[in-house]
Every structure is written in structure tokens, then in C-alpha cells.
């Protein structure tokens, strides 16, 4: 169970996970040793899965973003080489007409086209529905 102090620490590190423990302590009115102990405990409990970086999609040439709905054939799991593909940033199992939702990032439409042609050939899927992002309004990790 998370308490108010844990939540305060998490809100701060969501904005900047590189913030020094002393600065987090000042912002939360906790001792640095307490902040450190809580961070260790949150990592051990799996509340914090990992510390990572949020990249600027345009700067790393991944600003052609696509959402791909996928309907698989019965009893088919998505191949690991797809989930490990550099263009696949997120994969969700979903309810409704489609089974999976993939968030994909590419340099441009040509790179996406190459991916989707290979994907449709290599995977055991029934159908896909593609939605291209025209404006990125908010993106979080």
C-alpha cells in the first residue's frame, strides 16, 4: 500500500528520475535517508519497474507514429521478434473486435510500409487496422 509520502516521491521522480535524493527530500520534507529507503522499497516491491529516459521522437527520427489494431487467428500468440522489434514501443491485449493494439514508431512512411508488409507476411493474423498519428498532444512513459 502506498502512502502520501510514497506518492509524493513518485510524483517527483515521474517528472525527473535523475533528481538527487537531497532535492527530493527537500521537496517532500523528508530526510534523505528516508527518501532513499523508500525508493529502495518501491523498487523491491515492483512499484518502480525501472528508471528510463523519454526521448524526443523528432530528434531520434521516430516521429511517424502508428497505432496498429491486430486480429489474430485463434490460439495464436504474437511472435517475440515482433515484440522485440525496434519500432514496437508498446503492445496491449485488448477486448472487442481486435485482439492486440501495437504502438509503433518510424522515421517515415516508407519505413512503416516495409514493416507492415513484413508483419503481414510473417505473422498469423486475420486482419489489421492502421491509424496514423497526425498530432502528438501528450505522451508519457
Protein backbone atom coordinates (compact mmCIF):
# COMPACT_ATOMS: atom_id res chain seq x y z
CA UNK A 1 0.00 0.00 0.00
CA UNK A 2 1.34 3.39 -0.98
CA UNK A 3 1.07 6.24 1.50
CA UNK A 4 1.14 10.00 0.89
CA UNK A 5 4.92 10.14 1.24
CA UNK A 6 5.44 7.40 -1.37
CA UNK A 7 3.05 9.12 -3.75
CA UNK A 8 4.84 12.45 -3.29
CA UNK A 9 8.20 10.83 -4.08
CA UNK A 10 6.75 9.07 -7.13
CA UNK A 11 5.24 12.28 -8.49
CA UNK A 12 8.61 14.00 -8.26
CA UNK A 13 10.60 11.23 -9.93
CA UNK A 14 7.98 10.88 -12.69
CA UNK A 15 8.96 14.40 -13.73
CA UNK A 16 12.70 13.90 -13.24
CA UNK A 17 14.00 10.50 -12.19
CA UNK A 18 17.55 11.91 -12.06
CA UNK A 19 16.71 14.40 -9.34
CA UNK A 20 19.15 13.99 -6.45
CA UNK A 21 17.78 12.38 -3.31
CA UNK A 22 18.62 15.52 -1.33
CA UNK A 23 16.39 17.61 -3.62
CA UNK A 24 13.56 15.08 -3.39
CA UNK A 25 13.94 15.18 0.40
CA UNK A 26 13.64 18.98 0.41
CA UNK A 27 10.52 18.91 -1.78
CA UNK A 28 8.84 16.23 0.35
CA UNK A 29 10.04 17.45 3.77
CA UNK A 30 11.61 14.05 4.41
CA UNK A 31 15.14 13.13 5.40
CA UNK A 32 17.39 11.98 2.53
CA UNK A 33 17.86 8.60 4.22
CA UNK A 34 14.07 8.17 4.37
CA UNK A 35 13.72 9.02 0.68
CA UNK A 36 16.48 6.56 -0.18
CA UNK A 37 14.89 3.76 1.89
CA UNK A 38 11.50 4.38 0.33
CA UNK A 39 12.94 4.34 -3.20
CA UNK A 40 14.70 1.03 -2.47
CA UNK A 41 11.46 -0.42 -1.07
CA UNK A 42 9.41 0.82 -4.06
CA UNK A 43 11.90 -0.82 -6.44
CA UNK A 44 11.92 -4.08 -4.47
CA UNK A 45 8.11 -4.22 -4.42
CA UNK A 46 7.97 -3.61 -8.17
CA UNK A 47 6.13 -0.29 -7.88
CA UNK A 48 9.07 1.23 -9.73
CA UNK A 49 9.86 -1.15 -12.57
CA UNK A 50 12.80 0.80 -13.98
CA UNK A 51 14.24 4.24 -14.46
CA UNK A 52 14.32 5.28 -18.10
CA UNK A 53 14.51 8.24 -20.43
CA UNK A 54 11.83 9.97 -22.51
CA UNK A 55 13.23 10.78 -25.93
CA UNK A 56 12.12 13.49 -28.32
CA UNK A 57 10.59 11.46 -31.18
CA UNK A 58 11.54 14.01 -33.81
CA UNK A 59 15.14 14.28 -32.62
CA UNK A 60 15.63 10.49 -32.80
CA UNK A 61 13.76 10.23 -36.11
CA UNK A 62 10.82 8.28 -34.72
CA UNK A 63 8.06 10.85 -35.19
CA UNK A 64 5.93 8.83 -37.64
CA UNK A 65 3.70 7.15 -35.05
CA UNK A 66 1.17 4.46 -35.87
CA UNK A 67 -1.39 2.53 -33.84
CA UNK A 68 -1.99 -0.92 -35.28
CA UNK A 69 -5.01 -2.96 -34.27
CA UNK A 70 -4.45 -6.68 -34.90
CA UNK A 71 -6.89 -9.56 -35.09
CA UNK A 72 -5.01 -12.83 -34.71
CA UNK A 73 -6.05 -16.31 -35.74
CA UNK A 74 -7.44 -18.38 -32.82
CA UNK A 75 -4.83 -19.59 -30.31
CA UNK A 76 -2.02 -17.58 -31.90
CA UNK A 77 0.46 -15.61 -29.82
CA UNK A 78 2.42 -12.73 -31.26
CA UNK A 79 5.95 -13.76 -32.25
CA UNK A 80 8.70 -12.47 -29.89
CA UNK A 81 10.62 -11.00 -32.83
CA UNK A 82 7.73 -8.55 -33.26
CA UNK A 83 7.53 -7.53 -29.59
CA UNK A 84 11.32 -7.11 -29.59
CA UNK A 85 11.27 -5.10 -32.84
CA UNK A 86 12.82 -1.62 -32.50
CA UNK A 87 9.68 0.01 -33.96
CA UNK A 88 7.27 -1.57 -31.46
CA UNK A 89 7.11 0.68 -28.42
CA UNK A 90 4.01 -0.77 -26.73
CA UNK A 91 1.78 -3.85 -27.08
CA UNK A 92 -1.59 -4.29 -25.40
CA UNK A 93 -4.04 -7.19 -25.31
CA UNK A 94 -7.48 -5.64 -25.83
CA UNK A 95 -11.13 -6.61 -25.90
CA UNK A 96 -13.52 -6.13 -28.78
CA UNK A 97 -13.14 -6.82 -32.47
CA UNK A 98 -9.32 -6.83 -32.31
CA UNK A 99 -7.01 -8.81 -30.04
CA UNK A 100 -3.94 -6.57 -29.88
CA UNK A 101 -3.02 -2.92 -30.09
CA UNK A 102 0.54 -2.03 -31.07
CA UNK A 103 2.09 1.42 -30.81
CA UNK A 104 4.75 1.77 -33.47
CA UNK A 105 7.31 4.48 -34.22
CA UNK A 106 9.11 5.02 -37.52
CA UNK A 107 11.30 7.54 -39.32
CA UNK A 108 8.84 7.91 -42.18
CA UNK A 109 6.03 6.27 -44.14
CA UNK A 110 8.46 4.19 -46.21
CA UNK A 111 9.95 2.60 -43.11
CA UNK A 112 6.42 1.89 -41.85
CA UNK A 113 5.41 0.39 -45.19
CA UNK A 114 8.38 -2.03 -45.11
CA UNK A 115 7.44 -3.05 -41.56
CA UNK A 116 3.75 -3.64 -42.27
CA UNK A 117 4.44 -5.72 -45.38
CA UNK A 118 6.83 -7.98 -43.41
CA UNK A 119 4.47 -8.08 -40.43
CA UNK A 120 1.51 -9.26 -42.51
CA UNK A 121 3.62 -11.93 -44.22
CA UNK A 122 5.35 -13.29 -41.11
CA UNK A 123 2.56 -13.19 -38.53
CA UNK A 124 -0.52 -15.38 -38.36
CA UNK A 125 -3.08 -12.62 -38.39
CA UNK A 126 -6.56 -12.28 -39.79
CA UNK A 127 -6.70 -8.54 -40.24
CA UNK A 128 -5.19 -5.23 -39.17
CA UNK A 129 -6.46 -1.70 -38.81
CA UNK A 130 -3.91 1.11 -39.03
CA UNK A 131 -4.25 4.57 -37.55
CA UNK A 132 -1.53 7.15 -38.24
CA UNK A 133 -0.95 9.85 -35.63
CA UNK A 134 -1.35 13.35 -37.08
CA UNK A 135 -0.61 15.30 -33.88
CA UNK A 136 1.06 14.23 -30.67
CA UNK A 137 -0.70 16.00 -27.85
CA UNK A 138 0.62 14.13 -24.82
CA UNK A 139 2.91 11.14 -24.39
CA UNK A 140 4.16 9.65 -21.14
CA UNK A 141 6.23 6.66 -20.23
